[in-house]
């Protein structure tokens, strides 16, 4: 079944990493007489090999539960945030803390990088979104308008727009340069827990604790489609796939789903982890094999083969619930973050190389 090939492909083919997201390769059929490849050269990842991630660094510094970890698009930095009101900027290669971004007066739920890796947006329970200049650590804009906790935030690819979701059920679209709200959408009847632009920013996907996934027209604010999980599957996180053809959602029935949103069909379901209480994000990994990656309430990180839905690796080491995961944009590297009694970020790299 090839409908999920080209998951990470760019139709414009202008992305630096496009060679790492090629089509899923067919099974290689090597004639018996063919000489074996030289041992030093690792075989190209075909999506059918297993990953071999190992712990590289353990990052300590957060004093309250971590809520999000995000690699910068240029791959040089890792940002994290949590209930301790601080955004921390780290080197993912050395594990060193580079700086703290201080200014929010209440805990943080989400962070998002601008495409040029210069700015970072943070969403806080203090009802504001701050836009930071990461190199200086200074706040350059404070976006005000949400009337309750801001739970989620994301840039579009051009990074001239931000979308945010709040606990009052609103989605807001912001002009980044002016720091002004362009549109307010009364989107859901409960906490909006995730918002994400598609690749050309024509669409926004959102989900909320009302159990609904909704697709919105960015320009008009019109709801184009609603996807409903089953009654016991309260959705907490949702995002477009790298090529914007699919939507990945996580839910409280311990299942991750891949949707074709044009047909409203659930194409794949990934299970085996535990997710019944916390807002746990999942993400795509397309730098090597094509994996789905998620945290879990059993303190592990899970990796599934995107096509076969098989669990291909679990990463153990955290001592509390893993709520945040992120994948490096160019290398086979995963960051994971945990809550209460753990409070660490762990950096994992695939020993098979990058």
C-alpha atoms as a PDB file:
ATOM      1  CA  UNK A   1       0.000   0.000   0.000  1.00  0.00           C
ATOM      2  CA  UNK A   2       1.788   3.096  -1.243  1.00  0.00           C
ATOM      3  CA  UNK A   3      -0.605   5.861  -0.270  1.00  0.00           C
ATOM      4  CA  UNK A   4       1.729   7.035   2.472  1.00  0.00           C
ATOM      5  CA  UNK A   5       4.846   7.308   0.312  1.00  0.00           C
ATOM      6  CA  UNK A   6       6.428  10.752  -0.070  1.00  0.00           C
ATOM      7  CA  UNK A   7       5.353  11.640   3.442  1.00  0.00           C
ATOM      8  CA  UNK A   8       8.037  14.227   3.901  1.00  0.00           C
ATOM      9  CA  UNK A   9       8.460  15.291   0.291  1.00  0.00           C
ATOM     10  CA  UNK A  10       8.287  18.908  -0.656  1.00  0.00           C
ATOM     11  CA  UNK A  11       6.479  19.663  -3.883  1.00  0.00           C
ATOM     12  CA  UNK A  12       8.756  22.664  -4.279  1.00  0.00           C
ATOM     13  CA  UNK A  13      11.825  20.510  -3.605  1.00  0.00           C
ATOM     14  CA  UNK A  14      13.606  23.507  -2.147  1.00  0.00           C
ATOM     15  CA  UNK A  15      14.225  22.208   1.323  1.00  0.00           C
ATOM     16  CA  UNK A  16      17.795  21.531   2.321  1.00  0.00           C
ATOM     17  CA  UNK A  17      16.870  18.175   3.762  1.00  0.00           C
ATOM     18  CA  UNK A  18      14.682  16.969   0.907  1.00  0.00           C
ATOM     19  CA  UNK A  19      17.105  14.198   0.052  1.00  0.00           C
ATOM     20  CA  UNK A  20      16.482  12.670   3.474  1.00  0.00           C
ATOM     21  CA  UNK A  21      12.745  12.356   2.902  1.00  0.00           C
ATOM     22  CA  UNK A  22      12.652  10.445  -0.341  1.00  0.00           C
ATOM     23  CA  UNK A  23       9.969   7.941  -1.223  1.00  0.00           C
ATOM     24  CA  UNK A  24       9.848   4.782   0.756  1.00  0.00           C
ATOM     25  CA  UNK A  25      12.173   2.527  -1.169  1.00  0.00           C
ATOM     26  CA  UNK A  26      11.000  -0.884  -2.359  1.00  0.00           C
ATOM     27  CA  UNK A  27      12.484  -4.001  -0.830  1.00  0.00           C
ATOM     28  CA  UNK A  28      15.909  -4.396  -2.373  1.00  0.00           C
ATOM     29  CA  UNK A  29      16.147  -7.585  -4.382  1.00  0.00           C
ATOM     30  CA  UNK A  30      19.853  -8.305  -4.788  1.00  0.00           C
ATOM     31  CA  UNK A  31      20.785 -10.995  -7.314  1.00  0.00           C
ATOM     32  CA  UNK A  32      22.613 -13.893  -5.711  1.00  0.00           C
ATOM     33  CA  UNK A  33      25.762 -13.130  -7.706  1.00  0.00           C
ATOM     34  CA  UNK A  34      25.925  -9.504  -6.634  1.00  0.00           C
ATOM     35  CA  UNK A  35      28.913  -8.721  -4.407  1.00  0.00           C
ATOM     36  CA  UNK A  36      28.019  -7.562  -0.902  1.00  0.00           C
ATOM     37  CA  UNK A  37      28.361  -3.831  -0.252  1.00  0.00           C
ATOM     38  CA  UNK A  38      31.578  -2.776   1.503  1.00  0.00           C
ATOM     39  CA  UNK A  39      31.125  -3.035   5.294  1.00  0.00           C
ATOM     40  CA  UNK A  40      32.089   0.570   6.202  1.00  0.00           C
ATOM     41  CA  UNK A  41      29.233   2.103   4.203  1.00  0.00           C
ATOM     42  CA  UNK A  42      25.956   1.938   6.138  1.00  0.00           C
ATOM     43  CA  UNK A  43      23.042   0.802   4.013  1.00  0.00           C
ATOM     44  CA  UNK A  44      20.549   3.530   3.176  1.00  0.00           C
ATOM     45  CA  UNK A  45      17.546   3.458   5.453  1.00  0.00           C
ATOM     46  CA  UNK A  46      14.616   1.878   3.663  1.00  0.00           C
ATOM     47  CA  UNK A  47      11.937   2.369   6.283  1.00  0.00           C
ATOM     48  CA  UNK A  48      12.122  -1.374   6.958  1.00  0.00           C
ATOM     49  CA  UNK A  49      15.231  -1.326   9.105  1.00  0.00           C
ATOM     50  CA  UNK A  50      14.943  -0.782  12.821  1.00  0.00           C
ATOM     51  CA  UNK A  51      16.225   2.333  14.522  1.00  0.00           C
ATOM     52  CA  UNK A  52      18.928   2.046  17.188  1.00  0.00           C
ATOM     53  CA  UNK A  53      18.581   5.152  19.320  1.00  0.00           C
ATOM     54  CA  UNK A  54      20.762   5.477  22.402  1.00  0.00           C
ATOM     55  CA  UNK A  55      20.931   8.083  25.147  1.00  0.00           C
ATOM     56  CA  UNK A  56      23.448  10.816  24.327  1.00  0.00           C
ATOM     57  CA  UNK A  57      22.772  13.578  26.895  1.00  0.00           C
ATOM     58  CA  UNK A  58      20.586  14.194  29.942  1.00  0.00           C
ATOM     59  CA  UNK A  59      19.712  17.881  30.376  1.00  0.00           C
ATOM     60  CA  UNK A  60      18.852  19.103  33.855  1.00  0.00           C
ATOM     61  CA  UNK A  61      17.714  22.564  34.894  1.00  0.00           C
ATOM     62  CA  UNK A  62      13.930  22.796  34.829  1.00  0.00           C
ATOM     63  CA  UNK A  63      12.468  22.932  38.341  1.00  0.00           C
ATOM     64  CA  UNK A  64       8.839  22.139  37.419  1.00  0.00           C
ATOM     65  CA  UNK A  65       7.169  19.895  34.845  1.00  0.00           C
ATOM     66  CA  UNK A  66       8.411  20.232  31.263  1.00  0.00           C
ATOM     67  CA  UNK A  67       5.670  20.810  28.693  1.00  0.00           C
ATOM     68  CA  UNK A  68       7.446  21.122  25.313  1.00  0.00           C
ATOM     69  CA  UNK A  69      10.789  20.561  23.581  1.00  0.00           C
ATOM     70  CA  UNK A  70      11.508  21.873  20.065  1.00  0.00           C
ATOM     71  CA  UNK A  71      14.597  21.784  17.846  1.00  0.00           C
ATOM     72  CA  UNK A  72      15.378  24.946  15.912  1.00  0.00           C
ATOM     73  CA  UNK A  73      14.776  24.525  12.143  1.00  0.00           C
ATOM     74  CA  UNK A  74      18.516  24.947  11.466  1.00  0.00           C
ATOM     75  CA  UNK A  75      19.212  22.135  13.938  1.00  0.00           C
ATOM     76  CA  UNK A  76      21.682  24.062  16.098  1.00  0.00           C
ATOM     77  CA  UNK A  77      19.543  24.623  19.203  1.00  0.00           C
ATOM     78  CA  UNK A  78      16.924  22.953  21.361  1.00  0.00           C
ATOM     79  CA  UNK A  79      14.318  24.977  23.241  1.00  0.00           C
ATOM     80  CA  UNK A  80      12.316  23.707  26.190  1.00  0.00           C
ATOM     81  CA  UNK A  81       9.646  25.152  28.446  1.00  0.00           C
ATOM     82  CA  UNK A  82       7.651  24.151  31.471  1.00  0.00           C
ATOM     83  CA  UNK A  83       5.663  25.167  34.472  1.00  0.00           C
ATOM     84  CA  UNK A  84       8.657  27.014  35.959  1.00  0.00           C
ATOM     85  CA  UNK A  85       7.917  30.013  33.668  1.00  0.00           C
ATOM     86  CA  UNK A  86      11.279  29.779  31.875  1.00  0.00           C
ATOM     87  CA  UNK A  87      12.218  28.974  28.285  1.00  0.00           C
ATOM     88  CA  UNK A  88      15.600  27.256  28.191  1.00  0.00           C
ATOM     89  CA  UNK A  89      17.867  27.186  25.135  1.00  0.00           C
ATOM     90  CA  UNK A  90      20.288  24.255  24.905  1.00  0.00           C
ATOM     91  CA  UNK A  91      22.916  22.834  22.599  1.00  0.00           C
ATOM     92  CA  UNK A  92      21.578  19.429  21.548  1.00  0.00           C
ATOM     93  CA  UNK A  93      25.113  18.332  20.657  1.00  0.00           C
ATOM     94  CA  UNK A  94      26.829  19.090  23.971  1.00  0.00           C
ATOM     95  CA  UNK A  95      23.806  19.174  26.309  1.00  0.00           C
ATOM     96  CA  UNK A  96      24.955  22.580  27.538  1.00  0.00           C
ATOM     97  CA  UNK A  97      22.455  25.222  28.706  1.00  0.00           C
ATOM     98  CA  UNK A  98      23.040  28.326  26.591  1.00  0.00           C
ATOM     99  CA  UNK A  99      20.545  30.766  28.095  1.00  0.00           C
ATOM    100  CA  UNK A 100      17.247  31.246  29.879  1.00  0.00           C
ATOM    101  CA  UNK A 101      14.437  33.375  28.468  1.00  0.00           C
ATOM    102  CA  UNK A 102      12.743  34.993  31.471  1.00  0.00           C
ATOM    103  CA  UNK A 103       9.667  37.200  31.508  1.00  0.00           C
ATOM    104  CA  UNK A 104       6.491  35.155  31.697  1.00  0.00           C
ATOM    105  CA  UNK A 105       4.741  35.371  35.049  1.00  0.00           C
ATOM    106  CA  UNK A 106       3.053  31.949  34.935  1.00  0.00           C
ATOM    107  CA  UNK A 107       3.809  28.506  33.540  1.00  0.00           C
ATOM    108  CA  UNK A 108       4.375  27.725  29.865  1.00  0.00           C
ATOM    109  CA  UNK A 109       2.586  25.139  27.773  1.00  0.00           C
ATOM    110  CA  UNK A 110       4.164  25.501  24.322  1.00  0.00           C
ATOM    111  CA  UNK A 111       6.935  27.026  22.231  1.00  0.00           C
ATOM    112  CA  UNK A 112       7.503  27.412  18.473  1.00  0.00           C
ATOM    113  CA  UNK A 113      10.490  28.470  16.363  1.00  0.00           C
ATOM    114  CA  UNK A 114      10.411  30.845  13.424  1.00  0.00           C
ATOM    115  CA  UNK A 115      11.647  29.246  10.197  1.00  0.00           C
ATOM    116  CA  UNK A 116      14.927  31.186  10.268  1.00  0.00           C
ATOM    117  CA  UNK A 117      15.670  29.980  13.831  1.00  0.00           C
ATOM    118  CA  UNK A 118      16.050  33.611  14.979  1.00  0.00           C
ATOM    119  CA  UNK A 119      12.818  33.966  16.963  1.00  0.00           C
ATOM    120  CA  UNK A 120      10.860  31.794  19.358  1.00  0.00           C
ATOM    121  CA  UNK A 121       7.217  32.172  20.413  1.00  0.00           C
ATOM    122  CA  UNK A 122       6.047  30.987  23.832  1.00  0.00           C
ATOM    123  CA  UNK A 123       2.500  30.365  25.101  1.00  0.00           C
ATOM    124  CA  UNK A 124       1.778  30.960  28.769  1.00  0.00           C
ATOM    125  CA  UNK A 125      -0.830  30.644  31.487  1.00  0.00           C
ATOM    126  CA  UNK A 126      -0.311  34.397  32.006  1.00  0.00           C
ATOM    127  CA  UNK A 127      -2.591  34.721  28.885  1.00  0.00           C
ATOM    128  CA  UNK A 128       0.182  36.158  26.697  1.00  0.00           C
ATOM    129  CA  UNK A 129       2.391  34.966  23.882  1.00  0.00           C
ATOM    130  CA  UNK A 130       5.919  36.329  23.855  1.00  0.00           C
ATOM    131  CA  UNK A 131       8.133  36.493  20.784  1.00  0.00           C
ATOM    132  CA  UNK A 132      11.788  36.258  21.757  1.00  0.00           C
ATOM    133  CA  UNK A 133      14.983  37.100  19.926  1.00  0.00           C
ATOM    134  CA  UNK A 134      16.824  33.959  20.931  1.00  0.00           C
ATOM    135  CA  UNK A 135      20.404  35.218  20.567  1.00  0.00           C
ATOM    136  CA  UNK A 136      19.858  38.179  22.889  1.00  0.00           C
ATOM    137  CA  UNK A 137      17.238  36.593  25.128  1.00  0.00           C
ATOM    138  CA  UNK A 138      15.051  39.687  24.755  1.00  0.00           C
ATOM    139  CA  UNK A 139      11.274  39.805  24.304  1.00  0.00           C
ATOM    140  CA  UNK A 140      10.553  41.746  21.108  1.00  0.00           C
ATOM    141  CA  UNK A 141       6.743  41.410  21.157  1.00  0.00           C
ATOM    142  CA  UNK A 142       4.117  40.468  23.720  1.00  0.00           C
ATOM    143  CA  UNK A 143       0.836  39.365  22.129  1.00  0.00           C
ATOM    144  CA  UNK A 144      -2.219  40.058  24.268  1.00  0.00           C
ATOM    145  CA  UNK A 145      -5.830  39.105  23.616  1.00  0.00           C
ATOM    146  CA  UNK A 146      -6.476  35.642  24.975  1.00  0.00           C
ATOM    147  CA  UNK A 147      -8.669  35.799  28.069  1.00  0.00           C
ATOM    148  CA  UNK A 148      -7.423  32.547  29.570  1.00  0.00           C
ATOM    149  CA  UNK A 149      -4.344  30.318  29.531  1.00  0.00           C
ATOM    150  CA  UNK A 150      -2.645  30.078  26.125  1.00  0.00           C
ATOM    151  CA  UNK A 151      -2.067  26.385  25.583  1.00  0.00           C
ATOM    152  CA  UNK A 152      -0.509  26.101  22.097  1.00  0.00           C
ATOM    153  CA  UNK A 153       1.260  28.187  19.468  1.00  0.00           C
ATOM    154  CA  UNK A 154       2.815  27.693  16.020  1.00  0.00           C
ATOM    155  CA  UNK A 155       4.344  29.760  13.225  1.00  0.00           C
ATOM    156  CA  UNK A 156       3.517  29.356   9.567  1.00  0.00           C
ATOM    157  CA  UNK A 157       6.434  28.513   7.258  1.00  0.00           C
ATOM    158  CA  UNK A 158       6.872  32.134   6.167  1.00  0.00           C
ATOM    159  CA  UNK A 159       6.899  33.056   9.891  1.00  0.00           C
ATOM    160  CA  UNK A 160       4.787  36.165   9.262  1.00  0.00           C
ATOM    161  CA  UNK A 161       1.827  34.572  11.081  1.00  0.00           C
ATOM    162  CA  UNK A 162       1.319  32.870  14.418  1.00  0.00           C
ATOM    163  CA  UNK A 163      -1.646  30.737  15.413  1.00  0.00           C
ATOM    164  CA  UNK A 164      -2.511  30.166  19.054  1.00  0.00           C
ATOM    165  CA  UNK A 165      -5.112  28.245  21.012  1.00  0.00           C
ATOM    166  CA  UNK A 166      -6.493  29.103  24.411  1.00  0.00           C
ATOM    167  CA  UNK A 167      -8.360  27.514  27.248  1.00  0.00           C
ATOM    168  CA  UNK A 168     -11.423  29.641  26.479  1.00  0.00           C
ATOM    169  CA  UNK A 169     -11.836  27.673  23.214  1.00  0.00           C
ATOM    170  CA  UNK A 170     -10.506  30.408  20.940  1.00  0.00           C
ATOM    171  CA  UNK A 171      -8.024  30.239  18.105  1.00  0.00           C
ATOM    172  CA  UNK A 172      -6.240  33.480  17.289  1.00  0.00           C
ATOM    173  CA  UNK A 173      -4.226  34.298  14.184  1.00  0.00           C
ATOM    174  CA  UNK A 174      -1.584  37.001  14.684  1.00  0.00           C
ATOM    175  CA  UNK A 175       0.434  39.303  12.450  1.00  0.00           C
ATOM    176  CA  UNK A 176       3.942  38.724  13.784  1.00  0.00           C
ATOM    177  CA  UNK A 177       5.502  42.014  12.639  1.00  0.00           C
ATOM    178  CA  UNK A 178       2.764  44.165  14.126  1.00  0.00           C
ATOM    179  CA  UNK A 179       2.043  41.958  17.114  1.00  0.00           C
ATOM    180  CA  UNK A 180      -1.677  42.314  16.382  1.00  0.00           C
ATOM    181  CA  UNK A 181      -4.482  39.764  16.294  1.00  0.00           C
ATOM    182  CA  UNK A 182      -5.797  39.408  12.722  1.00  0.00           C
ATOM    183  CA  UNK A 183      -8.590  36.959  13.435  1.00  0.00           C
ATOM    184  CA  UNK A 184     -10.331  35.396  16.398  1.00  0.00           C
ATOM    185  CA  UNK A 185     -12.134  32.091  15.838  1.00  0.00           C
ATOM    186  CA  UNK A 186     -14.571  30.713  18.398  1.00  0.00           C
ATOM    187  CA  UNK A 187     -13.310  27.273  17.597  1.00  0.00           C
ATOM    188  CA  UNK A 188     -14.129  24.777  20.320  1.00  0.00           C
ATOM    189  CA  UNK A 189     -16.187  24.328  23.472  1.00  0.00           C
ATOM    190  CA  UNK A 190     -13.199  23.344  25.581  1.00  0.00           C
ATOM    191  CA  UNK A 191      -9.428  23.882  25.929  1.00  0.00           C
ATOM    192  CA  UNK A 192      -7.759  24.155  22.531  1.00  0.00           C
ATOM    193  CA  UNK A 193      -4.767  21.866  23.021  1.00  0.00           C
ATOM    194  CA  UNK A 194      -3.043  22.064  19.614  1.00  0.00           C
ATOM    195  CA  UNK A 195      -2.977  24.305  16.524  1.00  0.00           C
ATOM    196  CA  UNK A 196      -0.835  23.830  13.412  1.00  0.00           C
ATOM    197  CA  UNK A 197      -0.581  25.433   9.960  1.00  0.00           C
ATOM    198  CA  UNK A 198      -0.244  23.315   6.855  1.00  0.00           C
ATOM    199  CA  UNK A 199       2.739  23.931   4.599  1.00  0.00           C
ATOM    200  CA  UNK A 200       1.339  26.869   2.624  1.00  0.00           C
ATOM    201  CA  UNK A 201      -0.570  28.239   5.657  1.00  0.00           C
ATOM    202  CA  UNK A 202      -3.896  28.043   3.823  1.00  0.00           C
ATOM    203  CA  UNK A 203      -5.246  25.699   6.508  1.00  0.00           C
ATOM    204  CA  UNK A 204      -5.061  25.350  10.271  1.00  0.00           C
ATOM    205  CA  UNK A 205      -5.760  22.139  12.132  1.00  0.00           C
ATOM    206  CA  UNK A 206      -6.875  22.308  15.749  1.00  0.00           C
ATOM    207  CA  UNK A 207      -8.057  19.955  18.441  1.00  0.00           C
ATOM    208  CA  UNK A 208      -9.587  20.416  21.839  1.00  0.00           C
ATOM    209  CA  UNK A 209     -10.739  18.561  24.902  1.00  0.00           C
ATOM    210  CA  UNK A 210     -14.230  18.545  23.352  1.00  0.00           C
ATOM    211  CA  UNK A 211     -12.864  15.565  21.372  1.00  0.00           C
ATOM    212  CA  UNK A 212     -13.000  17.257  17.969  1.00  0.00           C
ATOM    213  CA  UNK A 213     -10.340  17.837  15.322  1.00  0.00           C
ATOM    214  CA  UNK A 214     -11.181  20.762  13.065  1.00  0.00           C
ATOM    215  CA  UNK A 215      -9.715  22.116   9.825  1.00  0.00           C
ATOM    216  CA  UNK A 216      -9.983  25.867   9.278  1.00  0.00           C
ATOM    217  CA  UNK A 217      -9.528  28.199   6.326  1.00  0.00           C
ATOM    218  CA  UNK A 218      -6.817  30.584   7.530  1.00  0.00           C
ATOM    219  CA  UNK A 219      -8.087  33.541   5.487  1.00  0.00           C
ATOM    220  CA  UNK A 220     -11.806  33.328   6.244  1.00  0.00           C
ATOM    221  CA  UNK A 221     -11.745  31.521   9.589  1.00  0.00           C
ATOM    222  CA  UNK A 222     -14.377  29.114   8.227  1.00  0.00           C
ATOM    223  CA  UNK A 223     -14.491  25.561   9.569  1.00  0.00           C
ATOM    224  CA  UNK A 224     -14.007  23.303   6.540  1.00  0.00           C
ATOM    225  CA  UNK A 225     -14.161  19.929   8.254  1.00  0.00           C
ATOM    226  CA  UNK A 226     -14.609  18.276  11.631  1.00  0.00           C
ATOM    227  CA  UNK A 227     -13.085  14.894  12.440  1.00  0.00           C
ATOM    228  CA  UNK A 228     -14.445  13.189  15.534  1.00  0.00           C
ATOM    229  CA  UNK A 229     -12.533  10.629  17.536  1.00  0.00           C
ATOM    230  CA  UNK A 230     -14.564   7.915  19.228  1.00  0.00           C
ATOM    231  CA  UNK A 231     -16.404   9.020  22.381  1.00  0.00           C
ATOM    232  CA  UNK A 232     -13.657   7.731  24.680  1.00  0.00           C
ATOM    233  CA  UNK A 233     -10.838   9.208  22.572  1.00  0.00           C
ATOM    234  CA  UNK A 234     -10.395  12.783  23.710  1.00  0.00           C
ATOM    235  CA  UNK A 235      -7.870  14.244  21.282  1.00  0.00           C
ATOM    236  CA  UNK A 236      -5.068  16.287  22.789  1.00  0.00           C
ATOM    237  CA  UNK A 237      -2.542  16.876  20.044  1.00  0.00           C
ATOM    238  CA  UNK A 238      -2.740  17.218  16.294  1.00  0.00           C
ATOM    239  CA  UNK A 239      -0.430  18.270  13.455  1.00  0.00           C
ATOM    240  CA  UNK A 240      -0.102  18.095   9.690  1.00  0.00           C
ATOM    241  CA  UNK A 241       2.420  15.659   8.216  1.00  0.00           C
ATOM    242  CA  UNK A 242       5.504  17.256   6.612  1.00  0.00           C
ATOM    243  CA  UNK A 243       3.826  17.144   3.181  1.00  0.00           C
ATOM    244  CA  UNK A 244       0.484  18.370   4.626  1.00  0.00           C
ATOM    245  CA  UNK A 245      -1.445  15.442   3.134  1.00  0.00           C
ATOM    246  CA  UNK A 246      -2.173  13.782   6.472  1.00  0.00           C
ATOM    247  CA  UNK A 247      -2.946  14.670  10.065  1.00  0.00           C
ATOM    248  CA  UNK A 248      -1.431  12.948  13.092  1.00  0.00           C
ATOM    249  CA  UNK A 249      -3.507  12.982  16.282  1.00  0.00           C
ATOM    250  CA  UNK A 250      -3.016  11.665  19.797  1.00  0.00           C
ATOM    251  CA  UNK A 251      -5.867  10.756  22.116  1.00  0.00           C
ATOM    252  CA  UNK A 252      -6.684   9.566  25.613  1.00  0.00           C
ATOM    253  CA  UNK A 253      -7.571   6.060  24.460  1.00  0.00           C
ATOM    254  CA  UNK A 254      -3.823   5.334  24.168  1.00  0.00           C
ATOM    255  CA  UNK A 255      -3.926   5.518  20.387  1.00  0.00           C
ATOM    256  CA  UNK A 256      -2.228   7.711  17.798  1.00  0.00           C
ATOM    257  CA  UNK A 257      -4.063   8.100  14.502  1.00  0.00           C
ATOM    258  CA  UNK A 258      -3.005   9.106  11.020  1.00  0.00           C
ATOM    259  CA  UNK A 259      -5.849  10.694   9.038  1.00  0.00           C
ATOM    260  CA  UNK A 260      -6.409  11.495   5.410  1.00  0.00           C
ATOM    261  CA  UNK A 261      -8.316  14.675   6.185  1.00  0.00           C
ATOM    262  CA  UNK A 262      -9.624  15.083   2.628  1.00  0.00           C
ATOM    263  CA  UNK A 263     -11.565  11.834   2.909  1.00  0.00           C
ATOM    264  CA  UNK A 264     -11.939  12.014   6.740  1.00  0.00           C
ATOM    265  CA  UNK A 265     -10.568   8.463   6.903  1.00  0.00           C
ATOM    266  CA  UNK A 266      -8.319   7.184   9.654  1.00  0.00           C
ATOM    267  CA  UNK A 267      -5.591   5.363   7.720  1.00  0.00           C
ATOM    268  CA  UNK A 268      -3.394   4.052  10.531  1.00  0.00           C
ATOM    269  CA  UNK A 269      -3.621   3.587  14.287  1.00  0.00           C
ATOM    270  CA  UNK A 270      -0.518   3.208  16.445  1.00  0.00           C
ATOM    271  CA  UNK A 271      -0.920   1.555  19.840  1.00  0.00           C
ATOM    272  CA  UNK A 272       1.171   0.016  22.605  1.00  0.00           C
ATOM    273  CA  UNK A 273       2.002   3.100  24.661  1.00  0.00           C
ATOM    274  CA  UNK A 274      -0.084   4.479  27.543  1.00  0.00           C
ATOM    275  CA  UNK A 275      -1.922   7.802  27.234  1.00  0.00           C
ATOM    276  CA  UNK A 276      -5.055   8.218  29.333  1.00  0.00           C
ATOM    277  CA  UNK A 277      -4.448  11.353  31.377  1.00  0.00           C
ATOM    278  CA  UNK A 278      -1.791  13.740  30.056  1.00  0.00           C
ATOM    279  CA  UNK A 279      -1.517  15.832  26.893  1.00  0.00           C
ATOM    280  CA  UNK A 280       1.212  13.895  25.115  1.00  0.00           C
ATOM    281  CA  UNK A 281       2.457  15.002  21.720  1.00  0.00           C
ATOM    282  CA  UNK A 282       3.592  12.699  18.918  1.00  0.00           C
ATOM    283  CA  UNK A 283       5.721  13.610  15.920  1.00  0.00           C
ATOM    284  CA  UNK A 284       7.062  12.350  12.615  1.00  0.00           C
ATOM    285  CA  UNK A 285      10.646  11.268  12.045  1.00  0.00           C
ATOM    286  CA  UNK A 286      11.693  11.343   8.379  1.00  0.00           C
ATOM    287  CA  UNK A 287      15.481  11.807   8.515  1.00  0.00           C
ATOM    288  CA  UNK A 288      16.170   8.078   8.308  1.00  0.00           C
ATOM    289  CA  UNK A 289      13.405   5.517   8.334  1.00  0.00           C
ATOM    290  CA  UNK A 290       9.889   6.895   8.582  1.00  0.00           C
ATOM    291  CA  UNK A 291       8.791   6.604  12.211  1.00  0.00           C
ATOM    292  CA  UNK A 292       6.052   7.924  14.455  1.00  0.00           C
ATOM    293  CA  UNK A 293       7.440   8.956  17.841  1.00  0.00           C
ATOM    294  CA  UNK A 294       5.570   9.593  21.081  1.00  0.00           C
ATOM    295  CA  UNK A 295       6.016   9.860  24.812  1.00  0.00           C
ATOM    296  CA  UNK A 296       4.041   7.678  27.174  1.00  0.00           C
ATOM    297  CA  UNK A 297       2.688   7.504  30.707  1.00  0.00           C
ATOM    298  CA  UNK A 298       4.832   4.423  31.362  1.00  0.00           C
ATOM    299  CA  UNK A 299       7.896   6.759  31.255  1.00  0.00           C
ATOM    300  CA  UNK A 300       9.113   5.534  27.850  1.00  0.00           C
ATOM    301  CA  UNK A 301       9.471   6.948  24.348  1.00  0.00           C
ATOM    302  CA  UNK A 302       7.900   4.791  21.629  1.00  0.00           C
ATOM    303  CA  UNK A 303       8.888   4.543  17.960  1.00  0.00           C
ATOM    304  CA  UNK A 304       6.557   2.949  15.415  1.00  0.00           C
ATOM    305  CA  UNK A 305       7.170   2.100  11.773  1.00  0.00           C
ATOM    306  CA  UNK A 306       4.866   4.520   9.975  1.00  0.00           C
ATOM    307  CA  UNK A 307       3.814   2.000   7.322  1.00  0.00           C
ATOM    308  CA  UNK A 308       3.573  -1.274   9.278  1.00  0.00           C
ATOM    309  CA  UNK A 309       2.455   0.295  12.617  1.00  0.00           C
ATOM    310  CA  UNK A 310       4.930  -2.006  14.387  1.00  0.00           C
ATOM    311  CA  UNK A 311       6.725  -0.757  17.501  1.00  0.00           C
ATOM    312  CA  UNK A 312      10.354  -0.718  16.360  1.00  0.00           C
ATOM    313  CA  UNK A 313      12.001   0.661  19.524  1.00  0.00           C
ATOM    314  CA  UNK A 314      11.232   1.902  23.028  1.00  0.00           C
ATOM    315  CA  UNK A 315      13.593   4.306  24.784  1.00  0.00           C
ATOM    316  CA  UNK A 316      13.900   3.817  28.536  1.00  0.00           C
ATOM    317  CA  UNK A 317      15.525   6.100  31.088  1.00  0.00           C
ATOM    318  CA  UNK A 318      12.968   8.704  32.151  1.00  0.00           C
ATOM    319  CA  UNK A 319      11.535   8.188  35.621  1.00  0.00           C
ATOM    320  CA  UNK A 320       8.184   9.928  35.066  1.00  0.00           C
ATOM    321  CA  UNK A 321       5.645  10.526  32.284  1.00  0.00           C
ATOM    322  CA  UNK A 322       7.190  11.611  28.968  1.00  0.00           C
ATOM    323  CA  UNK A 323       4.905  14.356  27.642  1.00  0.00           C
ATOM    324  CA  UNK A 324       7.143  16.024  25.048  1.00  0.00           C
ATOM    325  CA  UNK A 325       9.105  14.665  22.084  1.00  0.00           C
ATOM    326  CA  UNK A 326      10.777  16.319  19.102  1.00  0.00           C
ATOM    327  CA  UNK A 327      12.893  15.173  16.165  1.00  0.00           C
ATOM    328  CA  UNK A 328      15.959  16.933  14.781  1.00  0.00           C
ATOM    329  CA  UNK A 329      15.376  18.423  11.306  1.00  0.00           C
ATOM    330  CA  UNK A 330      18.480  16.904   9.697  1.00  0.00           C
ATOM    331  CA  UNK A 331      19.933  14.212  11.943  1.00  0.00           C
ATOM    332  CA  UNK A 332      18.632  11.048  13.536  1.00  0.00           C
ATOM    333  CA  UNK A 333      18.186  12.682  16.925  1.00  0.00           C
ATOM    334  CA  UNK A 334      15.228  12.732  19.334  1.00  0.00           C
ATOM    335  CA  UNK A 335      14.603  14.976  22.330  1.00  0.00           C
ATOM    336  CA  UNK A 336      12.188  13.927  25.077  1.00  0.00           C
ATOM    337  CA  UNK A 337      10.977  15.777  28.161  1.00  0.00           C
ATOM    338  CA  UNK A 338       9.362  14.576  31.373  1.00  0.00           C
ATOM    339  CA  UNK A 339       7.339  15.894  34.313  1.00  0.00           C
ATOM    340  CA  UNK A 340       7.227  16.129  38.133  1.00  0.00           C
ATOM    341  CA  UNK A 341       9.686  13.673  39.616  1.00  0.00           C
ATOM    342  CA  UNK A 342      11.987  13.489  36.567  1.00  0.00           C
ATOM    343  CA  UNK A 343      12.302  17.026  35.125  1.00  0.00           C
ATOM    344  CA  UNK A 344      14.964  16.023  32.606  1.00  0.00           C
ATOM    345  CA  UNK A 345      15.279  16.346  28.855  1.00  0.00           C
ATOM    346  CA  UNK A 346      16.999  13.449  27.188  1.00  0.00           C
ATOM    347  CA  UNK A 347      18.750  13.562  23.830  1.00  0.00           C
ATOM    348  CA  UNK A 348      18.842  10.282  21.915  1.00  0.00           C
ATOM    349  CA  UNK A 349      20.836   9.598  18.754  1.00  0.00           C
ATOM    350  CA  UNK A 350      20.724   6.673  16.344  1.00  0.00           C
ATOM    351  CA  UNK A 351      23.999   4.810  16.484  1.00  0.00           C
ATOM    352  CA  UNK A 352      23.397   3.850  12.861  1.00  0.00           C
ATOM    353  CA  UNK A 353      24.575   7.357  12.006  1.00  0.00           C
ATOM    354  CA  UNK A 354      22.777  10.429  10.742  1.00  0.00           C
END
